[in-house]
Amino acid sequence: KARLGTATIGRRPMRETMAKPIAEIATPTGQRAWGSNQIYVPVDDGIERKKVYLHPGQIHTSSDPTAITTVLGSCVAVCLWDPVAKVGGANHYLLPQWPGEGSAPKRYGDMAIQQLLEEILKAGARKKFLQAKIFGGAQIFENLRSSRGTHFGDQNVSIARRALQTAGLQITTEDVGGTHGRKVIFQTDTGACWTKRL
């Protein structure tokens, strides 16, 4: 198996090895643009982690070592991590803003991010240490556009950035946009993330 380094930009929390490297395109902000076929997979560090699969409209936080996996198209996942308390969590939402009626508000970005923040603080994280990571928001289907013509993938990313900025949280990693889906694995204890283009 080819093993590549973590997708975390800046501080790399784990060792990395690379096989068959493929050039990637990075924007000035460190955001990864899918002009490449780069694949990131976990490097075994010997820690036994609980495995959780995150479906759309779900949130999971944990103070125990956990590997959260989710698959994204135009949906977005926001991951939060406290490097001091070693607490992490993630959400997976489909649409940017809750219309204020109906059920399943966690399917909407504004509500899902608010609830993720509340849950991770209850799990023992401290807001001043939290780091945020954003994944997804691809433009896979052209018909997924609002009445204004903006793709839902773009709107999902925008709402994440605005909500995190409003909450005063630092965004340390982004892997968003493009025309392909992503598989994301996030470790709640190390904050490490890996993505695979689908």
N, C-alpha and C. Protein backbone atom coordinates (compact mmCIF):
# COMPACT_ATOMS: atom_id res chain seq x y z
N LYS A 1 0.83 -1.19 0.00
CA LYS A 1 0.00 0.00 0.00
C LYS A 1 0.87 1.25 0.00
N ALA A 2 0.45 2.23 -0.79
CA ALA A 2 1.16 3.50 -0.79
C ALA A 2 0.71 4.29 0.43
N ARG A 3 1.67 4.87 1.12
CA ARG A 3 1.35 5.66 2.30
C ARG A 3 1.85 7.08 2.08
N LEU A 4 0.97 8.02 2.26
CA LEU A 4 1.32 9.40 2.09
C LEU A 4 1.09 10.14 3.40
N GLY A 5 1.65 11.34 3.47
CA GLY A 5 1.59 12.09 4.71
C GLY A 5 0.21 12.64 5.01
N THR A 6 0.08 13.28 6.16
CA THR A 6 -1.20 13.80 6.58
C THR A 6 -1.58 14.99 5.74
N ALA A 7 -2.88 15.26 5.71
CA ALA A 7 -3.39 16.40 4.96
C ALA A 7 -3.39 17.67 5.80
N THR A 8 -2.95 17.58 7.03
CA THR A 8 -2.95 18.74 7.90
C THR A 8 -1.92 19.75 7.41
N ILE A 9 -2.34 21.00 7.24
CA ILE A 9 -1.45 22.04 6.78
C ILE A 9 -0.79 22.68 7.98
N GLY A 10 0.52 22.96 7.85
CA GLY A 10 1.23 23.57 8.96
C GLY A 10 1.83 22.50 9.85
N ARG A 11 1.38 22.45 11.09
CA ARG A 11 1.93 21.48 12.04
C ARG A 11 1.52 20.07 11.65
N ARG A 12 2.50 19.18 11.46
CA ARG A 12 2.21 17.79 11.13
C ARG A 12 2.28 16.95 12.40
N PRO A 13 1.15 16.39 12.84
CA PRO A 13 1.10 15.72 14.13
C PRO A 13 1.70 14.33 14.12
N MET A 14 1.99 13.77 12.95
CA MET A 14 2.51 12.41 12.88
C MET A 14 3.60 12.34 11.83
N ARG A 15 4.38 11.27 11.88
CA ARG A 15 5.40 11.09 10.87
C ARG A 15 4.72 10.82 9.53
N GLU A 16 5.48 10.97 8.45
CA GLU A 16 4.87 10.74 7.17
C GLU A 16 5.87 10.06 6.23
N THR A 17 5.36 9.22 5.38
CA THR A 17 6.14 8.62 4.32
C THR A 17 5.38 8.82 3.03
N MET A 18 6.08 8.89 1.92
CA MET A 18 5.41 9.16 0.67
C MET A 18 5.87 8.19 -0.40
N ALA A 19 4.92 7.67 -1.17
CA ALA A 19 5.23 6.79 -2.29
C ALA A 19 4.47 7.30 -3.50
N LYS A 20 5.12 7.27 -4.65
CA LYS A 20 4.52 7.73 -5.90
C LYS A 20 3.90 9.12 -5.73
N PRO A 21 4.71 10.12 -5.34
CA PRO A 21 4.14 11.44 -5.12
C PRO A 21 3.59 12.03 -6.41
N ILE A 22 2.46 12.73 -6.30
CA ILE A 22 1.84 13.40 -7.42
C ILE A 22 1.71 14.86 -7.06
N ALA A 23 2.08 15.74 -7.96
CA ALA A 23 2.07 17.17 -7.67
C ALA A 23 0.68 17.64 -7.30
N GLU A 24 0.61 18.53 -6.33
CA GLU A 24 -0.66 19.10 -5.92
C GLU A 24 -0.65 20.60 -6.14
N ILE A 25 -1.82 21.18 -6.23
CA ILE A 25 -1.95 22.61 -6.42
C ILE A 25 -2.42 23.21 -5.10
N ALA A 26 -1.68 24.14 -4.55
CA ALA A 26 -2.07 24.77 -3.29
C ALA A 26 -2.29 26.25 -3.51
N THR A 27 -3.37 26.78 -2.98
CA THR A 27 -3.64 28.20 -3.09
C THR A 27 -2.77 28.95 -2.09
N PRO A 28 -2.66 30.28 -2.21
CA PRO A 28 -1.84 31.05 -1.27
C PRO A 28 -2.26 30.88 0.18
N THR A 29 -3.53 30.54 0.44
CA THR A 29 -4.00 30.40 1.82
C THR A 29 -3.73 29.01 2.37
N GLY A 30 -3.17 28.13 1.56
CA GLY A 30 -2.93 26.77 2.01
C GLY A 30 -4.07 25.84 1.66
N GLN A 31 -5.11 26.37 1.05
CA GLN A 31 -6.24 25.54 0.65
C GLN A 31 -5.82 24.63 -0.50
N ARG A 32 -6.20 23.37 -0.42
CA ARG A 32 -5.83 22.44 -1.48
C ARG A 32 -6.87 22.45 -2.58
N ALA A 33 -6.45 22.67 -3.79
CA ALA A 33 -7.35 22.64 -4.93
C ALA A 33 -7.19 21.31 -5.64
N TRP A 34 -8.31 20.75 -6.07
CA TRP A 34 -8.22 19.42 -6.67
C TRP A 34 -7.83 19.50 -8.14
N GLY A 35 -6.60 19.93 -8.37
CA GLY A 35 -6.04 19.88 -9.71
C GLY A 35 -5.08 18.70 -9.80
N SER A 36 -5.11 17.84 -8.79
CA SER A 36 -4.19 16.73 -8.72
C SER A 36 -4.94 15.48 -8.30
N ASN A 37 -4.23 14.39 -8.26
CA ASN A 37 -4.83 13.12 -7.84
C ASN A 37 -4.19 12.67 -6.53
N GLN A 38 -3.87 13.65 -5.69
CA GLN A 38 -3.19 13.35 -4.44
C GLN A 38 -4.12 12.55 -3.51
N ILE A 39 -3.57 11.54 -2.87
CA ILE A 39 -4.32 10.72 -1.94
C ILE A 39 -3.58 10.68 -0.62
N TYR A 40 -4.30 10.86 0.47
CA TYR A 40 -3.72 10.81 1.79
C TYR A 40 -4.36 9.67 2.57
N VAL A 41 -3.56 8.83 3.15
CA VAL A 41 -4.08 7.72 3.94
C VAL A 41 -3.36 7.68 5.28
N PRO A 42 -3.99 7.13 6.31
CA PRO A 42 -3.39 7.12 7.64
C PRO A 42 -2.11 6.30 7.72
N VAL A 43 -1.20 6.77 8.54
CA VAL A 43 0.00 6.01 8.88
C VAL A 43 -0.25 5.37 10.24
N ASP A 44 -0.05 4.09 10.36
CA ASP A 44 -0.32 3.37 11.60
C ASP A 44 0.63 3.84 12.70
N ASP A 45 0.06 4.38 13.79
CA ASP A 45 0.88 4.85 14.89
C ASP A 45 0.77 3.94 16.11
N GLY A 46 0.08 2.80 15.95
CA GLY A 46 -0.01 1.82 17.01
C GLY A 46 -1.07 2.09 18.05
N ILE A 47 -1.83 3.17 17.90
CA ILE A 47 -2.88 3.50 18.87
C ILE A 47 -4.20 2.88 18.41
N GLU A 48 -4.85 2.18 19.33
CA GLU A 48 -6.14 1.58 19.01
C GLU A 48 -7.24 2.62 19.16
N ARG A 49 -7.97 2.86 18.09
CA ARG A 49 -9.02 3.89 18.10
C ARG A 49 -10.38 3.30 17.78
N LYS A 50 -11.37 3.81 18.45
CA LYS A 50 -12.74 3.47 18.10
C LYS A 50 -13.04 4.04 16.72
N LYS A 51 -13.79 3.31 15.90
CA LYS A 51 -14.11 3.75 14.55
C LYS A 51 -15.57 4.18 14.48
N VAL A 52 -15.79 5.38 13.96
CA VAL A 52 -17.13 5.94 13.83
C VAL A 52 -17.33 6.41 12.41
N TYR A 53 -18.45 6.01 11.80
CA TYR A 53 -18.79 6.53 10.47
C TYR A 53 -19.87 7.60 10.62
N LEU A 54 -19.60 8.76 10.06
CA LEU A 54 -20.50 9.89 10.21
C LEU A 54 -21.39 10.03 8.98
N HIS A 55 -22.69 9.87 9.19
CA HIS A 55 -23.67 10.04 8.13
C HIS A 55 -24.11 11.50 8.04
N PRO A 56 -24.72 11.90 6.92
CA PRO A 56 -25.22 13.27 6.82
C PRO A 56 -26.20 13.59 7.96
N GLY A 57 -26.04 14.76 8.55
CA GLY A 57 -26.90 15.17 9.65
C GLY A 57 -26.46 14.65 10.99
N GLN A 58 -25.25 14.09 11.08
CA GLN A 58 -24.76 13.57 12.35
C GLN A 58 -23.59 14.38 12.87
N ILE A 59 -23.40 14.30 14.19
CA ILE A 59 -22.27 14.92 14.89
C ILE A 59 -21.68 13.90 15.83
N HIS A 60 -20.35 13.87 15.93
CA HIS A 60 -19.73 12.99 16.91
C HIS A 60 -18.55 13.70 17.54
N THR A 61 -18.49 13.68 18.87
CA THR A 61 -17.34 14.22 19.60
C THR A 61 -16.85 13.15 20.57
N SER A 62 -15.56 13.21 20.91
CA SER A 62 -15.02 12.20 21.81
C SER A 62 -13.76 12.71 22.51
N SER A 63 -13.63 12.31 23.77
CA SER A 63 -12.39 12.55 24.51
C SER A 63 -11.52 11.30 24.50
N ASP A 64 -12.02 10.24 23.90
CA ASP A 64 -11.26 9.00 23.73
C ASP A 64 -10.74 8.92 22.29
N PRO A 65 -9.60 8.27 22.07
CA PRO A 65 -9.07 8.16 20.71
C PRO A 65 -10.09 7.53 19.76
N THR A 66 -10.48 8.29 18.75
CA THR A 66 -11.51 7.86 17.81
C THR A 66 -11.13 8.28 16.40
N ALA A 67 -11.39 7.41 15.45
CA ALA A 67 -11.19 7.75 14.04
C ALA A 67 -12.57 7.94 13.41
N ILE A 68 -12.88 9.17 13.05
CA ILE A 68 -14.16 9.49 12.44
C ILE A 68 -13.99 9.50 10.92
N THR A 69 -14.81 8.72 10.25
CA THR A 69 -14.76 8.65 8.79
C THR A 69 -16.07 9.18 8.21
N THR A 70 -15.97 9.93 7.12
CA THR A 70 -17.17 10.37 6.42
C THR A 70 -16.85 10.56 4.95
N VAL A 71 -17.87 10.53 4.12
CA VAL A 71 -17.72 10.71 2.68
C VAL A 71 -18.53 11.93 2.26
N LEU A 72 -17.89 12.83 1.52
CA LEU A 72 -18.50 14.12 1.19
C LEU A 72 -18.55 14.36 -0.31
N GLY A 73 -19.63 15.00 -0.74
CA GLY A 73 -19.74 15.52 -2.10
C GLY A 73 -19.84 17.02 -1.97
N SER A 74 -21.05 17.56 -2.19
CA SER A 74 -21.27 18.98 -1.95
C SER A 74 -21.45 19.27 -0.46
N CYS A 75 -21.65 18.22 0.34
CA CYS A 75 -21.74 18.37 1.79
C CYS A 75 -20.40 18.84 2.35
N VAL A 76 -20.44 19.31 3.58
CA VAL A 76 -19.23 19.77 4.25
C VAL A 76 -19.12 19.12 5.62
N ALA A 77 -17.90 18.80 6.01
CA ALA A 77 -17.61 18.35 7.37
C ALA A 77 -16.69 19.37 8.02
N VAL A 78 -17.05 19.79 9.21
CA VAL A 78 -16.19 20.65 10.02
C VAL A 78 -15.64 19.80 11.16
N CYS A 79 -14.33 19.81 11.33
CA CYS A 79 -13.69 19.08 12.42
C CYS A 79 -13.11 20.08 13.41
N LEU A 80 -13.34 19.87 14.69
CA LEU A 80 -12.78 20.71 15.73
C LEU A 80 -11.88 19.86 16.62
N TRP A 81 -10.77 20.45 17.06
CA TRP A 81 -9.81 19.70 17.86
C TRP A 81 -9.15 20.61 18.88
N ASP A 82 -9.09 20.13 20.12
CA ASP A 82 -8.36 20.80 21.19
C ASP A 82 -7.07 20.03 21.42
N PRO A 83 -5.91 20.59 21.03
CA PRO A 83 -4.64 19.87 21.16
C PRO A 83 -4.16 19.71 22.60
N VAL A 84 -4.75 20.48 23.51
CA VAL A 84 -4.36 20.38 24.93
C VAL A 84 -5.16 19.28 25.61
N ALA A 85 -6.47 19.31 25.46
CA ALA A 85 -7.34 18.31 26.09
C ALA A 85 -7.40 17.01 25.29
N LYS A 86 -6.91 17.05 24.03
CA LYS A 86 -6.98 15.88 23.13
C LYS A 86 -8.43 15.45 22.90
N VAL A 87 -9.27 16.44 22.70
CA VAL A 87 -10.69 16.20 22.43
C VAL A 87 -10.99 16.67 21.02
N GLY A 88 -11.76 15.88 20.29
CA GLY A 88 -12.08 16.28 18.92
C GLY A 88 -13.49 15.88 18.55
N GLY A 89 -13.97 16.46 17.46
CA GLY A 89 -15.30 16.12 16.99
C GLY A 89 -15.51 16.61 15.57
N ALA A 90 -16.57 16.12 14.94
CA ALA A 90 -16.85 16.49 13.55
C ALA A 90 -18.35 16.46 13.30
N ASN A 91 -18.77 17.21 12.30
CA ASN A 91 -20.15 17.14 11.83
C ASN A 91 -20.15 16.84 10.33
N HIS A 92 -21.33 16.64 9.78
CA HIS A 92 -21.51 16.39 8.35
C HIS A 92 -22.86 16.97 7.98
N TYR A 93 -22.86 18.10 7.27
CA TYR A 93 -24.13 18.74 6.93
C TYR A 93 -24.31 18.86 5.42
N LEU A 94 -25.57 18.98 5.01
CA LEU A 94 -25.93 18.96 3.60
C LEU A 94 -26.20 20.33 3.00
N LEU A 95 -26.82 21.21 3.79
CA LEU A 95 -27.25 22.51 3.29
C LEU A 95 -26.75 23.61 4.22
N PRO A 96 -26.62 24.83 3.71
CA PRO A 96 -25.98 25.88 4.51
C PRO A 96 -26.78 26.40 5.69
N GLN A 97 -28.06 26.75 5.48
CA GLN A 97 -28.80 27.42 6.56
C GLN A 97 -30.15 26.77 6.82
N TRP A 98 -30.44 26.63 8.10
CA TRP A 98 -31.73 26.07 8.52
C TRP A 98 -32.83 27.10 8.25
N PRO A 99 -33.92 26.71 7.57
CA PRO A 99 -34.99 27.66 7.25
C PRO A 99 -35.83 28.05 8.46
N GLY A 100 -35.59 27.43 9.60
CA GLY A 100 -36.32 27.80 10.81
C GLY A 100 -37.55 26.98 11.08
N GLU A 101 -37.79 26.00 10.24
CA GLU A 101 -38.94 25.13 10.46
C GLU A 101 -38.58 23.72 10.01
N GLY A 102 -39.36 22.75 10.47
CA GLY A 102 -39.07 21.37 10.13
C GLY A 102 -38.06 20.76 11.10
N SER A 103 -37.73 19.51 10.86
CA SER A 103 -36.83 18.78 11.76
C SER A 103 -35.42 18.69 11.17
N ALA A 104 -34.59 17.92 11.85
CA ALA A 104 -33.20 17.64 11.43
C ALA A 104 -32.38 18.91 11.20
N PRO A 105 -32.30 19.82 12.19
CA PRO A 105 -31.48 21.02 11.98
C PRO A 105 -29.99 20.73 11.84
N LYS A 106 -29.54 19.57 12.30
CA LYS A 106 -28.12 19.24 12.15
C LYS A 106 -27.73 18.95 10.71
N ARG A 107 -28.71 18.90 9.82
CA ARG A 107 -28.42 18.75 8.40
C ARG A 107 -28.04 20.09 7.76
N TYR A 108 -28.15 21.17 8.56
CA TYR A 108 -27.86 22.52 8.07
C TYR A 108 -26.60 23.06 8.75
N GLY A 109 -25.75 23.71 7.95
CA GLY A 109 -24.45 24.13 8.44
C GLY A 109 -24.47 25.03 9.64
N ASP A 110 -25.32 26.07 9.63
CA ASP A 110 -25.32 27.01 10.74
C ASP A 110 -25.65 26.33 12.06
N MET A 111 -26.61 25.40 12.03
CA MET A 111 -27.00 24.70 13.25
C MET A 111 -26.00 23.60 13.60
N ALA A 112 -25.49 22.90 12.60
CA ALA A 112 -24.56 21.80 12.84
C ALA A 112 -23.25 22.29 13.46
N ILE A 113 -22.77 23.43 13.03
CA ILE A 113 -21.52 23.97 13.58
C ILE A 113 -21.74 24.46 15.01
N GLN A 114 -22.86 25.11 15.25
CA GLN A 114 -23.18 25.56 16.61
C GLN A 114 -23.29 24.39 17.57
N GLN A 115 -23.97 23.33 17.13
CA GLN A 115 -24.14 22.17 18.01
C GLN A 115 -22.82 21.41 18.21
N LEU A 116 -21.99 21.36 17.15
CA LEU A 116 -20.68 20.72 17.30
C LEU A 116 -19.85 21.45 18.34
N LEU A 117 -19.85 22.77 18.29
CA LEU A 117 -19.10 23.55 19.26
C LEU A 117 -19.61 23.31 20.68
N GLU A 118 -20.92 23.30 20.85
CA GLU A 118 -21.50 23.05 22.16
C GLU A 118 -21.12 21.68 22.70
N GLU A 119 -21.18 20.67 21.83
CA GLU A 119 -20.89 19.30 22.27
C GLU A 119 -19.41 19.09 22.59
N ILE A 120 -18.54 19.71 21.82
CA ILE A 120 -17.11 19.49 22.09
C ILE A 120 -16.68 20.21 23.36
N LEU A 121 -17.31 21.33 23.68
CA LEU A 121 -17.02 22.00 24.94
C LEU A 121 -17.52 21.17 26.12
N LYS A 122 -18.67 20.53 25.95
CA LYS A 122 -19.19 19.65 27.00
C LYS A 122 -18.28 18.44 27.20
N ALA A 123 -17.59 18.03 26.14
CA ALA A 123 -16.70 16.86 26.21
C ALA A 123 -15.36 17.18 26.86
N GLY A 124 -15.12 18.46 27.17
CA GLY A 124 -13.90 18.82 27.89
C GLY A 124 -12.95 19.73 27.14
N ALA A 125 -13.28 20.10 25.91
CA ALA A 125 -12.42 21.02 25.16
C ALA A 125 -12.57 22.44 25.69
N ARG A 126 -11.54 23.25 25.44
CA ARG A 126 -11.61 24.67 25.81
C ARG A 126 -11.57 25.49 24.52
N LYS A 127 -12.47 26.42 24.44
CA LYS A 127 -12.65 27.17 23.19
C LYS A 127 -11.38 27.87 22.73
N LYS A 128 -10.59 28.39 23.66
CA LYS A 128 -9.41 29.16 23.27
C LYS A 128 -8.34 28.30 22.59
N PHE A 129 -8.42 26.98 22.77
CA PHE A 129 -7.44 26.09 22.16
C PHE A 129 -7.94 25.44 20.86
N LEU A 130 -9.20 25.60 20.56
CA LEU A 130 -9.80 24.86 19.44
C LEU A 130 -9.22 25.26 18.09
N GLN A 131 -8.98 24.25 17.28
CA GLN A 131 -8.57 24.43 15.88
C GLN A 131 -9.65 23.82 15.00
N ALA A 132 -9.91 24.47 13.86
CA ALA A 132 -10.98 24.02 12.96
C ALA A 132 -10.42 23.59 11.61
N LYS A 133 -11.06 22.58 11.03
CA LYS A 133 -10.70 22.08 9.71
C LYS A 133 -11.99 21.94 8.90
N ILE A 134 -11.92 22.30 7.62
CA ILE A 134 -13.11 22.26 6.75
C ILE A 134 -12.82 21.36 5.55
N PHE A 135 -13.77 20.46 5.25
CA PHE A 135 -13.62 19.54 4.12
C PHE A 135 -14.92 19.48 3.32
N GLY A 136 -14.78 19.27 2.01
CA GLY A 136 -15.96 19.03 1.18
C GLY A 136 -16.33 20.23 0.33
N GLY A 137 -17.64 20.35 0.06
CA GLY A 137 -18.13 21.48 -0.73
C GLY A 137 -17.82 21.38 -2.21
N ALA A 138 -17.78 20.16 -2.74
CA ALA A 138 -17.49 19.98 -4.17
C ALA A 138 -18.69 20.33 -5.03
N GLN A 139 -18.42 20.67 -6.27
CA GLN A 139 -19.48 20.95 -7.24
C GLN A 139 -19.62 19.74 -8.16
N ILE A 140 -20.28 18.72 -7.66
CA ILE A 140 -20.39 17.47 -8.40
C ILE A 140 -21.55 17.49 -9.39
N PHE A 141 -22.70 17.99 -8.94
CA PHE A 141 -23.88 18.03 -9.80
C PHE A 141 -24.27 19.48 -10.07
N GLU A 142 -24.37 19.83 -11.33
CA GLU A 142 -24.67 21.20 -11.71
C GLU A 142 -26.06 21.66 -11.29
N ASN A 143 -26.97 20.71 -11.08
CA ASN A 143 -28.33 21.10 -10.72
C ASN A 143 -28.47 21.48 -9.24
N LEU A 144 -27.39 21.27 -8.46
CA LEU A 144 -27.44 21.61 -7.04
C LEU A 144 -27.06 23.08 -6.84
N ARG A 145 -27.94 23.95 -7.33
CA ARG A 145 -27.72 25.39 -7.22
C ARG A 145 -28.95 26.05 -6.61
N SER A 146 -28.71 27.15 -5.92
CA SER A 146 -29.81 27.90 -5.34
C SER A 146 -30.47 28.75 -6.42
N SER A 147 -31.53 29.46 -6.03
CA SER A 147 -32.21 30.34 -6.97
C SER A 147 -31.31 31.47 -7.47
N ARG A 148 -30.25 31.77 -6.70
CA ARG A 148 -29.30 32.81 -7.11
C ARG A 148 -28.21 32.27 -8.02
N GLY A 149 -28.21 30.96 -8.23
CA GLY A 149 -27.22 30.37 -9.12
C GLY A 149 -25.95 29.91 -8.44
N THR A 150 -25.85 30.09 -7.12
CA THR A 150 -24.67 29.66 -6.38
C THR A 150 -24.78 28.18 -6.03
N HIS A 151 -23.71 27.45 -6.26
CA HIS A 151 -23.73 26.02 -5.97
C HIS A 151 -23.80 25.79 -4.46
N PHE A 152 -24.54 24.76 -4.06
CA PHE A 152 -24.68 24.46 -2.63
C PHE A 152 -23.33 24.11 -2.00
N GLY A 153 -22.43 23.53 -2.77
CA GLY A 153 -21.10 23.23 -2.23
C GLY A 153 -20.39 24.48 -1.79
N ASP A 154 -20.43 25.52 -2.63
CA ASP A 154 -19.80 26.80 -2.28
C ASP A 154 -20.49 27.43 -1.07
N GLN A 155 -21.81 27.35 -1.03
CA GLN A 155 -22.55 27.93 0.10
C GLN A 155 -22.22 27.20 1.40
N ASN A 156 -22.07 25.88 1.32
CA ASN A 156 -21.74 25.10 2.52
C ASN A 156 -20.37 25.49 3.07
N VAL A 157 -19.42 25.73 2.18
CA VAL A 157 -18.08 26.15 2.63
C VAL A 157 -18.14 27.56 3.21
N SER A 158 -18.87 28.45 2.55
CA SER A 158 -18.96 29.84 3.02
C SER A 158 -19.59 29.93 4.40
N ILE A 159 -20.64 29.15 4.64
CA ILE A 159 -21.29 29.20 5.96
C ILE A 159 -20.35 28.68 7.04
N ALA A 160 -19.52 27.69 6.70
CA ALA A 160 -18.56 27.17 7.68
C ALA A 160 -17.54 28.24 8.05
N ARG A 161 -17.01 28.91 7.05
CA ARG A 161 -16.02 29.95 7.31
C ARG A 161 -16.61 31.08 8.16
N ARG A 162 -17.83 31.50 7.81
CA ARG A 162 -18.46 32.60 8.55
C ARG A 162 -18.76 32.19 9.99
N ALA A 163 -19.30 30.99 10.16
CA ALA A 163 -19.67 30.54 11.51
C ALA A 163 -18.43 30.39 12.39
N LEU A 164 -17.37 29.85 11.84
CA LEU A 164 -16.14 29.66 12.62
C LEU A 164 -15.48 30.99 12.94
N GLN A 165 -15.51 31.91 11.99
CA GLN A 165 -14.96 33.24 12.24
C GLN A 165 -15.76 33.96 13.32
N THR A 166 -17.08 33.86 13.25
CA THR A 166 -17.93 34.48 14.26
C THR A 166 -17.67 33.91 15.64
N ALA A 167 -17.38 32.60 15.69
CA ALA A 167 -17.09 31.94 16.97
C ALA A 167 -15.68 32.22 17.45
N GLY A 168 -14.88 32.86 16.61
CA GLY A 168 -13.50 33.18 17.00
C GLY A 168 -12.56 32.00 16.93
N LEU A 169 -12.85 31.04 16.06
CA LEU A 169 -12.02 29.84 15.94
C LEU A 169 -11.09 29.93 14.74
N GLN A 170 -9.88 29.44 14.93
CA GLN A 170 -8.87 29.45 13.88
C GLN A 170 -9.08 28.28 12.93
N ILE A 171 -9.11 28.56 11.63
CA ILE A 171 -9.19 27.51 10.62
C ILE A 171 -7.76 27.15 10.21
N THR A 172 -7.33 25.95 10.55
CA THR A 172 -5.96 25.53 10.27
C THR A 172 -5.83 24.71 9.00
N THR A 173 -6.93 24.12 8.53
CA THR A 173 -6.89 23.25 7.36
C THR A 173 -8.15 23.42 6.54
N GLU A 174 -7.98 23.51 5.22
CA GLU A 174 -9.11 23.48 4.31
C GLU A 174 -8.78 22.56 3.13
N ASP A 175 -9.72 21.72 2.78
CA ASP A 175 -9.63 20.92 1.57
C ASP A 175 -11.04 20.94 0.99
N VAL A 176 -11.31 21.94 0.15
CA VAL A 176 -12.69 22.22 -0.26
C VAL A 176 -12.77 22.48 -1.76
N GLY A 177 -14.02 22.44 -2.27
CA GLY A 177 -14.27 22.79 -3.66
C GLY A 177 -13.93 21.67 -4.62
N GLY A 178 -13.73 22.03 -5.88
CA GLY A 178 -13.42 21.04 -6.89
C GLY A 178 -14.66 20.36 -7.42
N THR A 179 -14.46 19.30 -8.17
CA THR A 179 -15.58 18.59 -8.80
C THR A 179 -15.62 17.11 -8.42
N HIS A 180 -14.88 16.73 -7.39
CA HIS A 180 -14.83 15.34 -6.96
C HIS A 180 -15.20 15.22 -5.48
N GLY A 181 -15.74 14.05 -5.13
CA GLY A 181 -16.04 13.78 -3.74
C GLY A 181 -14.77 13.49 -2.96
N ARG A 182 -14.94 13.37 -1.64
CA ARG A 182 -13.80 13.10 -0.77
C ARG A 182 -14.20 12.11 0.32
N LYS A 183 -13.28 11.25 0.67
CA LYS A 183 -13.39 10.46 1.89
C LYS A 183 -12.45 11.10 2.90
N VAL A 184 -12.96 11.35 4.10
CA VAL A 184 -12.17 12.02 5.13
C VAL A 184 -12.09 11.15 6.37
N ILE A 185 -10.89 11.06 6.93
CA ILE A 185 -10.68 10.38 8.21
C ILE A 185 -10.06 11.40 9.16
N PHE A 186 -10.67 11.54 10.34
CA PHE A 186 -10.21 12.51 11.33
C PHE A 186 -9.99 11.81 12.66
N GLN A 187 -8.81 11.99 13.24
CA GLN A 187 -8.50 11.41 14.54
C GLN A 187 -8.74 12.44 15.63
N THR A 188 -9.61 12.10 16.56
CA THR A 188 -9.99 13.06 17.60
C THR A 188 -8.88 13.32 18.61
N ASP A 189 -7.95 12.38 18.77
CA ASP A 189 -6.90 12.54 19.79
C ASP A 189 -5.68 13.30 19.27
N THR A 190 -5.36 13.13 17.98
CA THR A 190 -4.18 13.80 17.42
C THR A 190 -4.52 15.00 16.56
N GLY A 191 -5.78 15.10 16.11
CA GLY A 191 -6.17 16.18 15.21
C GLY A 191 -5.77 15.93 13.78
N ALA A 192 -5.16 14.76 13.51
CA ALA A 192 -4.71 14.45 12.15
C ALA A 192 -5.89 14.14 11.24
N CYS A 193 -5.80 14.60 10.01
CA CYS A 193 -6.84 14.34 9.01
C CYS A 193 -6.20 13.78 7.75
N TRP A 194 -6.96 12.91 7.11
CA TRP A 194 -6.55 12.40 5.79
C TRP A 194 -7.71 12.50 4.84
N THR A 195 -7.41 12.78 3.58
CA THR A 195 -8.47 12.84 2.58
C THR A 195 -8.09 11.98 1.39
N LYS A 196 -9.12 11.43 0.75
CA LYS A 196 -8.92 10.66 -0.46
C LYS A 196 -9.93 11.14 -1.50
N ARG A 197 -9.45 11.48 -2.66
CA ARG A 197 -10.30 11.93 -3.74
C ARG A 197 -11.08 10.77 -4.30
N LEU A 198 -12.39 10.94 -4.50
CA LEU A 198 -13.24 9.89 -5.01
C LEU A 198 -13.70 10.18 -6.44
